[in-house]
Amino acid sequence: MAIRDVVMPPELRRAAIAEITARAEGRAALERARGESAALRSLLNAARLAEEHPVLLQLRSLQNAQTVVVEQSGAPRRAERAKREAADQHAQPGDSPR
């Protein structure tokens, strides 16, 4: 048997809605705190690595610089096209196309 239409006094209804809202806000706050904690742990680990291995920062800087140059030059499209052309040139007769 299912209960369908239950009439609740307005005060009780507001209290139930407030409790549901408070629980949802509490869960959301807990999830935000967990995310912030994970982000802080990640930053701490990165700081420790940078302190223990300074060359990693130099490598990361070079990697970032390379990414910027590649994105500005359009090189990824040219490199992909060159790879496809090289693959087409080396394909044997009867090979299925990729």
PDB file of N, CA and C in Angstrom:
ATOM      1  N   MET A   1       0.844  -1.162   0.000  1.00  0.00           N
ATOM      2  CA  MET A   1       0.000   0.000   0.000  1.00  0.00           C
ATOM      3  C   MET A   1       0.894   1.231   0.000  1.00  0.00           C
ATOM      4  N   ALA A   2       0.546   2.223  -0.798  1.00  0.00           N
ATOM      5  CA  ALA A   2       1.323   3.456  -0.899  1.00  0.00           C
ATOM      6  C   ALA A   2       0.515   4.609  -0.329  1.00  0.00           C
ATOM      7  N   ILE A   3       1.209   5.465   0.415  1.00  0.00           N
ATOM      8  CA  ILE A   3       0.581   6.672   0.946  1.00  0.00           C
ATOM      9  C   ILE A   3       0.840   7.769  -0.060  1.00  0.00           C
ATOM     10  N   ARG A   4      -0.222   8.441  -0.468  1.00  0.00           N
ATOM     11  CA  ARG A   4      -0.055   9.436  -1.519  1.00  0.00           C
ATOM     12  C   ARG A   4      -0.239  10.851  -1.007  1.00  0.00           C
ATOM     13  N   ASP A   5      -1.402  11.256  -0.730  1.00  0.00           N
ATOM     14  CA  ASP A   5      -1.692  12.638  -0.382  1.00  0.00           C
ATOM     15  C   ASP A   5      -1.739  12.809   1.136  1.00  0.00           C
ATOM     16  N   VAL A   6      -0.649  13.319   1.679  1.00  0.00           N
ATOM     17  CA  VAL A   6      -0.580  13.578   3.115  1.00  0.00           C
ATOM     18  C   VAL A   6      -0.605  15.085   3.308  1.00  0.00           C
ATOM     19  N   VAL A   7      -1.455  15.531   4.180  1.00  0.00           N
ATOM     20  CA  VAL A   7      -1.556  16.957   4.461  1.00  0.00           C
ATOM     21  C   VAL A   7      -0.770  17.229   5.733  1.00  0.00           C
ATOM     22  N   MET A   8       0.194  18.164   5.628  1.00  0.00           N
ATOM     23  CA  MET A   8       1.020  18.526   6.780  1.00  0.00           C
ATOM     24  C   MET A   8       0.748  19.977   7.129  1.00  0.00           C
ATOM     25  N   PRO A   9       0.790  20.285   8.403  1.00  0.00           N
ATOM     26  CA  PRO A   9       0.642  21.685   8.780  1.00  0.00           C
ATOM     27  C   PRO A   9       1.798  22.502   8.181  1.00  0.00           C
ATOM     28  N   PRO A  10       1.564  23.760   7.823  1.00  0.00           N
ATOM     29  CA  PRO A  10       2.610  24.587   7.189  1.00  0.00           C
ATOM     30  C   PRO A  10       3.888  24.690   8.015  1.00  0.00           C
ATOM     31  N   GLU A  11       3.783  24.781   9.339  1.00  0.00           N
ATOM     32  CA  GLU A  11       4.981  24.882  10.184  1.00  0.00           C
ATOM     33  C   GLU A  11       5.829  23.617  10.071  1.00  0.00           C
ATOM     34  N   LEU A  12       5.164  22.458  10.090  1.00  0.00           N
ATOM     35  CA  LEU A  12       5.878  21.188   9.988  1.00  0.00           C
ATOM     36  C   LEU A  12       6.505  21.046   8.607  1.00  0.00           C
ATOM     37  N   ARG A  13       5.785  21.483   7.595  1.00  0.00           N
ATOM     38  CA  ARG A  13       6.311  21.432   6.222  1.00  0.00           C
ATOM     39  C   ARG A  13       7.559  22.309   6.090  1.00  0.00           C
ATOM     40  N   ARG A  14       7.512  23.540   6.621  1.00  0.00           N
ATOM     41  CA  ARG A  14       8.675  24.434   6.570  1.00  0.00           C
ATOM     42  C   ARG A  14       9.862  23.833   7.334  1.00  0.00           C
ATOM     43  N   ALA A  15       9.585  23.217   8.473  1.00  0.00           N
ATOM     44  CA  ALA A  15      10.653  22.607   9.273  1.00  0.00           C
ATOM     45  C   ALA A  15      11.297  21.451   8.506  1.00  0.00           C
ATOM     46  N   ALA A  16      10.484  20.637   7.836  1.00  0.00           N
ATOM     47  CA  ALA A  16      11.017  19.503   7.068  1.00  0.00           C
ATOM     48  C   ALA A  16      11.861  20.013   5.902  1.00  0.00           C
ATOM     49  N   ILE A  17      11.370  21.042   5.220  1.00  0.00           N
ATOM     50  CA  ILE A  17      12.132  21.617   4.103  1.00  0.00           C
ATOM     51  C   ILE A  17      13.439  22.229   4.601  1.00  0.00           C
ATOM     52  N   ALA A  18      13.399  22.915   5.745  1.00  0.00           N
ATOM     53  CA  ALA A  18      14.617  23.511   6.308  1.00  0.00           C
ATOM     54  C   ALA A  18      15.635  22.433   6.664  1.00  0.00           C
ATOM     55  N   GLU A  19      15.160  21.309   7.217  1.00  0.00           N
ATOM     56  CA  GLU A  19      16.080  20.218   7.570  1.00  0.00           C
ATOM     57  C   GLU A  19      16.708  19.617   6.318  1.00  0.00           C
ATOM     58  N   ILE A  20      15.912  19.394   5.298  1.00  0.00           N
ATOM     59  CA  ILE A  20      16.435  18.830   4.044  1.00  0.00           C
ATOM     60  C   ILE A  20      17.452  19.787   3.424  1.00  0.00           C
ATOM     61  N   THR A  21      17.137  21.065   3.443  1.00  0.00           N
ATOM     62  CA  THR A  21      18.047  22.076   2.888  1.00  0.00           C
ATOM     63  C   THR A  21      19.344  22.124   3.682  1.00  0.00           C
ATOM     64  N   ALA A  22      19.257  22.084   5.004  1.00  0.00           N
ATOM     65  CA  ALA A  22      20.458  22.134   5.851  1.00  0.00           C
ATOM     66  C   ALA A  22      21.340  20.917   5.603  1.00  0.00           C
ATOM     67  N   ARG A  23      20.727  19.744   5.456  1.00  0.00           N
ATOM     68  CA  ARG A  23      21.526  18.535   5.181  1.00  0.00           C
ATOM     69  C   ARG A  23      22.240  18.649   3.833  1.00  0.00           C
ATOM     70  N   ALA A  24      21.516  19.134   2.819  1.00  0.00           N
ATOM     71  CA  ALA A  24      22.128  19.278   1.498  1.00  0.00           C
ATOM     72  C   ALA A  24      23.267  20.293   1.530  1.00  0.00           C
ATOM     73  N   GLU A  25      23.057  21.403   2.227  1.00  0.00           N
ATOM     74  CA  GLU A  25      24.118  22.412   2.332  1.00  0.00           C
ATOM     75  C   GLU A  25      25.313  21.860   3.113  1.00  0.00           C
ATOM     76  N   GLY A  26      25.058  21.054   4.125  1.00  0.00           N
ATOM     77  CA  GLY A  26      26.146  20.437   4.889  1.00  0.00           C
ATOM     78  C   GLY A  26      26.961  19.489   4.031  1.00  0.00           C
ATOM     79  N   ARG A  27      26.268  18.672   3.221  1.00  0.00           N
ATOM     80  CA  ARG A  27      26.990  17.757   2.316  1.00  0.00           C
ATOM     81  C   ARG A  27      27.815  18.538   1.296  1.00  0.00           C
ATOM     82  N   ALA A  28      27.243  19.632   0.775  1.00  0.00           N
ATOM     83  CA  ALA A  28      27.970  20.447  -0.205  1.00  0.00           C
ATOM     84  C   ALA A  28      29.198  21.086   0.434  1.00  0.00           C
ATOM     85  N   ALA A  29      29.059  21.577   1.661  1.00  0.00           N
ATOM     86  CA  ALA A  29      30.200  22.187   2.359  1.00  0.00           C
ATOM     87  C   ALA A  29      31.285  21.151   2.621  1.00  0.00           C
ATOM     88  N   LEU A  30      30.879  19.942   2.996  1.00  0.00           N
ATOM     89  CA  LEU A  30      31.847  18.868   3.241  1.00  0.00           C
ATOM     90  C   LEU A  30      32.595  18.520   1.954  1.00  0.00           C
ATOM     91  N   GLU A  31      31.869  18.447   0.842  1.00  0.00           N
ATOM     92  CA  GLU A  31      32.519  18.128  -0.438  1.00  0.00           C
ATOM     93  C   GLU A  31      33.489  19.231  -0.855  1.00  0.00           C
ATOM     94  N   ARG A  32      33.111  20.490  -0.640  1.00  0.00           N
ATOM     95  CA  ARG A  32      34.032  21.604  -0.947  1.00  0.00           C
ATOM     96  C   ARG A  32      35.288  21.508  -0.088  1.00  0.00           C
ATOM     97  N   ALA A  33      35.105  21.205   1.193  1.00  0.00           N
ATOM     98  CA  ALA A  33      36.260  21.091   2.095  1.00  0.00           C
ATOM     99  C   ALA A  33      37.172  19.949   1.661  1.00  0.00           C
ATOM    100  N   ARG A  34      36.589  18.841   1.238  1.00  0.00           N
ATOM    101  CA  ARG A  34      37.406  17.711   0.763  1.00  0.00           C
ATOM    102  C   ARG A  34      38.198  18.107  -0.483  1.00  0.00           C
ATOM    103  N   GLY A  35      37.554  18.823  -1.393  1.00  0.00           N
ATOM    104  CA  GLY A  35      38.240  19.277  -2.606  1.00  0.00           C
ATOM    105  C   GLY A  35      39.376  20.226  -2.290  1.00  0.00           C
ATOM    106  N   GLU A  36      39.135  21.149  -1.373  1.00  0.00           N
ATOM    107  CA  GLU A  36      40.181  22.093  -0.983  1.00  0.00           C
ATOM    108  C   GLU A  36      41.340  21.362  -0.307  1.00  0.00           C
ATOM    109  N   SER A  37      41.023  20.383   0.512  1.00  0.00           N
ATOM    110  CA  SER A  37      42.068  19.606   1.185  1.00  0.00           C
ATOM    111  C   SER A  37      42.919  18.853   0.161  1.00  0.00           C
ATOM    112  N   ALA A  38      42.269  18.265  -0.824  1.00  0.00           N
ATOM    113  CA  ALA A  38      43.012  17.542  -1.869  1.00  0.00           C
ATOM    114  C   ALA A  38      43.894  18.501  -2.664  1.00  0.00           C
ATOM    115  N   ALA A  39      43.381  19.688  -2.959  1.00  0.00           N
ATOM    116  CA  ALA A  39      44.170  20.675  -3.696  1.00  0.00           C
ATOM    117  C   ALA A  39      45.388  21.109  -2.882  1.00  0.00           C
ATOM    118  N   LEU A  40      45.195  21.306  -1.591  1.00  0.00           N
ATOM    119  CA  LEU A  40      46.324  21.695  -0.733  1.00  0.00           C
ATOM    120  C   LEU A  40      47.370  20.592  -0.651  1.00  0.00           C
ATOM    121  N   ARG A  41      46.918  19.343  -0.553  1.00  0.00           N
ATOM    122  CA  ARG A  41      47.876  18.219  -0.531  1.00  0.00           C
ATOM    123  C   ARG A  41      48.675  18.178  -1.827  1.00  0.00           C
ATOM    124  N   SER A  42      48.000  18.411  -2.943  1.00  0.00           N
ATOM    125  CA  SER A  42      48.675  18.409  -4.238  1.00  0.00           C
ATOM    126  C   SER A  42      49.715  19.526  -4.314  1.00  0.00           C
ATOM    127  N   LEU A  43      49.351  20.715  -3.840  1.00  0.00           N
ATOM    128  CA  LEU A  43      50.311  21.828  -3.831  1.00  0.00           C
ATOM    129  C   LEU A  43      51.498  21.526  -2.923  1.00  0.00           C
ATOM    130  N   LEU A  44      51.233  20.938  -1.771  1.00  0.00           N
ATOM    131  CA  LEU A  44      52.306  20.592  -0.845  1.00  0.00           C
ATOM    132  C   LEU A  44      53.260  19.586  -1.484  1.00  0.00           C
ATOM    133  N   ASN A  45      52.701  18.583  -2.146  1.00  0.00           N
ATOM    134  CA  ASN A  45      53.548  17.587  -2.816  1.00  0.00           C
ATOM    135  C   ASN A  45      54.389  18.234  -3.919  1.00  0.00           C
ATOM    136  N   ALA A  46      53.783  19.140  -4.668  1.00  0.00           N
ATOM    137  CA  ALA A  46      54.527  19.831  -5.730  1.00  0.00           C
ATOM    138  C   ALA A  46      55.643  20.684  -5.134  1.00  0.00           C
ATOM    139  N   ALA A  47      55.361  21.359  -4.035  1.00  0.00           N
ATOM    140  CA  ALA A  47      56.383  22.190  -3.388  1.00  0.00           C
ATOM    141  C   ALA A  47      57.541  21.329  -2.883  1.00  0.00           C
ATOM    142  N   ARG A  48      57.204  20.176  -2.313  1.00  0.00           N
ATOM    143  CA  ARG A  48      58.266  19.275  -1.829  1.00  0.00           C
ATOM    144  C   ARG A  48      59.131  18.778  -2.980  1.00  0.00           C
ATOM    145  N   LEU A  49      58.484  18.390  -4.077  1.00  0.00           N
ATOM    146  CA  LEU A  49      59.252  17.929  -5.238  1.00  0.00           C
ATOM    147  C   LEU A  49      60.149  19.039  -5.778  1.00  0.00           C
ATOM    148  N   ALA A  50      59.610  20.253  -5.856  1.00  0.00           N
ATOM    149  CA  ALA A  50      60.395  21.375  -6.371  1.00  0.00           C
ATOM    150  C   ALA A  50      61.575  21.673  -5.458  1.00  0.00           C
ATOM    151  N   GLU A  51      61.361  21.525  -4.155  1.00  0.00           N
ATOM    152  CA  GLU A  51      62.446  21.788  -3.210  1.00  0.00           C
ATOM    153  C   GLU A  51      63.527  20.708  -3.299  1.00  0.00           C
ATOM    154  N   GLU A  52      63.096  19.466  -3.443  1.00  0.00           N
ATOM    155  CA  GLU A  52      64.050  18.356  -3.498  1.00  0.00           C
ATOM    156  C   GLU A  52      64.751  18.243  -4.858  1.00  0.00           C
ATOM    157  N   HIS A  53      64.055  18.661  -5.918  1.00  0.00           N
ATOM    158  CA  HIS A  53      64.596  18.524  -7.275  1.00  0.00           C
ATOM    159  C   HIS A  53      64.350  19.820  -8.052  1.00  0.00           C
ATOM    160  N   PRO A  54      65.187  20.835  -7.861  1.00  0.00           N
ATOM    161  CA  PRO A  54      64.977  22.133  -8.525  1.00  0.00           C
ATOM    162  C   PRO A  54      64.955  22.041 -10.051  1.00  0.00           C
ATOM    163  N   VAL A  55      65.620  21.070 -10.611  1.00  0.00           N
ATOM    164  CA  VAL A  55      65.657  20.953 -12.071  1.00  0.00           C
ATOM    165  C   VAL A  55      64.266  20.669 -12.628  1.00  0.00           C
ATOM    166  N   LEU A  56      63.374  20.104 -11.812  1.00  0.00           N
ATOM    167  CA  LEU A  56      62.019  19.850 -12.282  1.00  0.00           C
ATOM    168  C   LEU A  56      61.300  21.146 -12.656  1.00  0.00           C
ATOM    169  N   LEU A  57      61.553  22.203 -11.903  1.00  0.00           N
ATOM    170  CA  LEU A  57      60.944  23.496 -12.235  1.00  0.00           C
ATOM    171  C   LEU A  57      61.453  24.012 -13.574  1.00  0.00           C
ATOM    172  N   GLN A  58      62.736  23.821 -13.830  1.00  0.00           N
ATOM    173  CA  GLN A  58      63.293  24.246 -15.109  1.00  0.00           C
ATOM    174  C   GLN A  58      62.683  23.442 -16.262  1.00  0.00           C
ATOM    175  N   LEU A  59      62.546  22.140 -16.049  1.00  0.00           N
ATOM    176  CA  LEU A  59      61.948  21.302 -17.090  1.00  0.00           C
ATOM    177  C   LEU A  59      60.502  21.699 -17.349  1.00  0.00           C
ATOM    178  N   ARG A  60      59.775  21.970 -16.279  1.00  0.00           N
ATOM    179  CA  ARG A  60      58.373  22.372 -16.427  1.00  0.00           C
ATOM    180  C   ARG A  60      58.267  23.713 -17.166  1.00  0.00           C
ATOM    181  N   SER A  61      59.164  24.633 -16.859  1.00  0.00           N
ATOM    182  CA  SER A  61      59.166  25.927 -17.556  1.00  0.00           C
ATOM    183  C   SER A  61      59.428  25.739 -19.045  1.00  0.00           C
ATOM    184  N   LEU A  62      60.380  24.884 -19.368  1.00  0.00           N
ATOM    185  CA  LEU A  62      60.672  24.608 -20.776  1.00  0.00           C
ATOM    186  C   LEU A  62      59.471  23.956 -21.464  1.00  0.00           C
ATOM    187  N   GLN A  63      58.820  23.052 -20.754  1.00  0.00           N
ATOM    188  CA  GLN A  63      57.647  22.392 -21.317  1.00  0.00           C
ATOM    189  C   GLN A  63      56.535  23.411 -21.590  1.00  0.00           C
ATOM    190  N   ASN A  64      56.314  24.323 -20.654  1.00  0.00           N
ATOM    191  CA  ASN A  64      55.295  25.353 -20.842  1.00  0.00           C
ATOM    192  C   ASN A  64      55.646  26.263 -22.016  1.00  0.00           C
ATOM    193  N   ALA A  65      56.904  26.640 -22.120  1.00  0.00           N
ATOM    194  CA  ALA A  65      57.342  27.496 -23.227  1.00  0.00           C
ATOM    195  C   ALA A  65      57.140  26.784 -24.559  1.00  0.00           C
ATOM    196  N   GLN A  66      57.459  25.510 -24.606  1.00  0.00           N
ATOM    197  CA  GLN A  66      57.275  24.737 -25.833  1.00  0.00           C
ATOM    198  C   GLN A  66      55.798  24.671 -26.206  1.00  0.00           C
ATOM    199  N   THR A  67      54.950  24.462 -25.223  1.00  0.00           N
ATOM    200  CA  THR A  67      53.514  24.393 -25.484  1.00  0.00           C
ATOM    201  C   THR A  67      52.998  25.701 -26.066  1.00  0.00           C
ATOM    202  N   VAL A  68      53.445  26.808 -25.516  1.00  0.00           N
ATOM    203  CA  VAL A  68      53.014  28.120 -26.010  1.00  0.00           C
ATOM    204  C   VAL A  68      53.474  28.314 -27.448  1.00  0.00           C
ATOM    205  N   VAL A  69      54.713  27.981 -27.724  1.00  0.00           N
ATOM    206  CA  VAL A  69      55.257  28.155 -29.078  1.00  0.00           C
ATOM    207  C   VAL A  69      54.501  27.266 -30.065  1.00  0.00           C
ATOM    208  N   VAL A  70      54.253  26.035 -29.687  1.00  0.00           N
ATOM    209  CA  VAL A  70      53.563  25.102 -30.586  1.00  0.00           C
ATOM    210  C   VAL A  70      52.137  25.580 -30.857  1.00  0.00           C
ATOM    211  N   GLU A  71      51.449  26.029 -29.811  1.00  0.00           N
ATOM    212  CA  GLU A  71      50.070  26.501 -29.989  1.00  0.00           C
ATOM    213  C   GLU A  71      50.014  27.744 -30.865  1.00  0.00           C
ATOM    214  N   GLN A  72      51.000  28.616 -30.744  1.00  0.00           N
ATOM    215  CA  GLN A  72      51.000  29.841 -31.538  1.00  0.00           C
ATOM    216  C   GLN A  72      51.395  29.595 -32.985  1.00  0.00           C
ATOM    217  N   SER A  73      52.182  28.556 -33.216  1.00  0.00           N
ATOM    218  CA  SER A  73      52.681  28.319 -34.571  1.00  0.00           C
ATOM    219  C   SER A  73      51.760  27.442 -35.403  1.00  0.00           C
ATOM    220  N   GLY A  74      50.838  26.760 -34.777  1.00  0.00           N
ATOM    221  CA  GLY A  74      49.983  25.844 -35.527  1.00  0.00           C
ATOM    222  C   GLY A  74      50.705  24.559 -35.885  1.00  0.00           C
ATOM    223  N   ALA A  75      51.822  24.298 -35.249  1.00  0.00           N
ATOM    224  CA  ALA A  75      52.625  23.116 -35.561  1.00  0.00           C
ATOM    225  C   ALA A  75      51.889  21.795 -35.344  1.00  0.00           C
ATOM    226  N   PRO A  76      50.996  21.667 -34.404  1.00  0.00           N
ATOM    227  CA  PRO A  76      50.348  20.365 -34.239  1.00  0.00           C
ATOM    228  C   PRO A  76      49.604  19.916 -35.493  1.00  0.00           C
ATOM    229  N   ARG A  77      48.947  20.841 -36.168  1.00  0.00           N
ATOM    230  CA  ARG A  77      48.221  20.463 -37.393  1.00  0.00           C
ATOM    231  C   ARG A  77      49.193  20.025 -38.475  1.00  0.00           C
ATOM    232  N   ARG A  78      50.298  20.754 -38.604  1.00  0.00           N
ATOM    233  CA  ARG A  78      51.287  20.382 -39.621  1.00  0.00           C
ATOM    234  C   ARG A  78      51.927  19.041 -39.277  1.00  0.00           C
ATOM    235  N   ALA A  79      52.222  18.824 -38.009  1.00  0.00           N
ATOM    236  CA  ALA A  79      52.845  17.567 -37.592  1.00  0.00           C
ATOM    237  C   ALA A  79      51.900  16.395 -37.832  1.00  0.00           C
ATOM    238  N   GLU A  80      50.620  16.579 -37.531  1.00  0.00           N
ATOM    239  CA  GLU A  80      49.647  15.510 -37.755  1.00  0.00           C
ATOM    240  C   GLU A  80      49.513  15.205 -39.243  1.00  0.00           C
ATOM    241  N   ARG A  81      49.482  16.242 -40.057  1.00  0.00           N
ATOM    242  CA  ARG A  81      49.383  16.060 -41.509  1.00  0.00           C
ATOM    243  C   ARG A  81      50.629  15.326 -42.019  1.00  0.00           C
ATOM    244  N   ALA A  82      51.808  15.681 -41.521  1.00  0.00           N
ATOM    245  CA  ALA A  82      53.051  15.018 -41.942  1.00  0.00           C
ATOM    246  C   ALA A  82      53.039  13.545 -41.539  1.00  0.00           C
ATOM    247  N   LYS A  83      52.519  13.248 -40.363  1.00  0.00           N
ATOM    248  CA  LYS A  83      52.433  11.846 -39.935  1.00  0.00           C
ATOM    249  C   LYS A  83      51.517  11.045 -40.852  1.00  0.00           C
ATOM    250  N   ARG A  84      50.373  11.637 -41.208  1.00  0.00           N
ATOM    251  CA  ARG A  84      49.441  10.933 -42.104  1.00  0.00           C
ATOM    252  C   ARG A  84      50.070  10.704 -43.473  1.00  0.00           C
ATOM    253  N   GLU A  85      50.772  11.714 -43.989  1.00  0.00           N
ATOM    254  CA  GLU A  85      51.406  11.584 -45.293  1.00  0.00           C
ATOM    255  C   GLU A  85      52.495  10.526 -45.255  1.00  0.00           C
ATOM    256  N   ALA A  86      53.265  10.495 -44.175  1.00  0.00           N
ATOM    257  CA  ALA A  86      54.326   9.488 -44.057  1.00  0.00           C
ATOM    258  C   ALA A  86      53.726   8.096 -43.972  1.00  0.00           C
ATOM    259  N   ALA A  87      52.645   7.966 -43.250  1.00  0.00           N
ATOM    260  CA  ALA A  87      51.990   6.658 -43.132  1.00  0.00           C
ATOM    261  C   ALA A  87      51.436   6.229 -44.489  1.00  0.00           C
ATOM    262  N   ASP A  88      50.877   7.171 -45.242  1.00  0.00           N
ATOM    263  CA  ASP A  88      50.337   6.848 -46.568  1.00  0.00           C
ATOM    264  C   ASP A  88      51.443   6.414 -47.525  1.00  0.00           C
ATOM    265  N   GLN A  89      52.612   7.044 -47.430  1.00  0.00           N
ATOM    266  CA  GLN A  89      53.723   6.708 -48.320  1.00  0.00           C
ATOM    267  C   GLN A  89      54.278   5.326 -47.999  1.00  0.00           C
ATOM    268  N   HIS A  90      54.235   4.934 -46.741  1.00  0.00           N
ATOM    269  CA  HIS A  90      54.790   3.639 -46.354  1.00  0.00           C
ATOM    270  C   HIS A  90      53.765   2.519 -46.403  1.00  0.00           C
ATOM    271  N   ALA A  91      52.546   2.822 -46.720  1.00  0.00           N
ATOM    272  CA  ALA A  91      51.514   1.790 -46.772  1.00  0.00           C
ATOM    273  C   ALA A  91      51.779   0.847 -47.948  1.00  0.00           C
ATOM    274  N   GLN A  92      51.581  -0.404 -47.698  1.00  0.00           N
ATOM    275  CA  GLN A  92      51.781  -1.424 -48.729  1.00  0.00           C
ATOM    276  C   GLN A  92      50.489  -1.602 -49.493  1.00  0.00           C
ATOM    277  N   PRO A  93      50.567  -1.986 -50.766  1.00  0.00           N
ATOM    278  CA  PRO A  93      49.335  -2.261 -51.519  1.00  0.00           C
ATOM    279  C   PRO A  93      48.540  -3.351 -50.802  1.00  0.00           C
ATOM    280  N   GLY A  94      47.263  -3.143 -50.696  1.00  0.00           N
ATOM    281  CA  GLY A  94      46.411  -4.113 -50.023  1.00  0.00           C
ATOM    282  C   GLY A  94      46.212  -3.815 -48.547  1.00  0.00           C
ATOM    283  N   ASP A  95      46.999  -2.868 -47.977  1.00  0.00           N
ATOM    284  CA  ASP A  95      46.796  -2.479 -46.576  1.00  0.00           C
ATOM    285  C   ASP A  95      45.465  -1.755 -46.467  1.00  0.00           C
ATOM    286  N   SER A  96      44.804  -1.955 -45.371  1.00  0.00           N
ATOM    287  CA  SER A  96      43.546  -1.244 -45.164  1.00  0.00           C
ATOM    288  C   SER A  96      43.864   0.174 -44.686  1.00  0.00           C
ATOM    289  N   PRO A  97      43.080   1.150 -45.144  1.00  0.00           N
ATOM    290  CA  PRO A  97      43.319   2.541 -44.697  1.00  0.00           C
ATOM    291  C   PRO A  97      43.002   2.691 -43.219  1.00  0.00           C
ATOM    292  N   ARG A  98      43.671   3.653 -42.602  1.00  0.00           N
ATOM    293  CA  ARG A  98      43.472   3.874 -41.160  1.00  0.00           C
ATOM    294  C   ARG A  98      42.325   4.780 -40.915  1.00  0.00           C
TER     295      ARG A  98
END
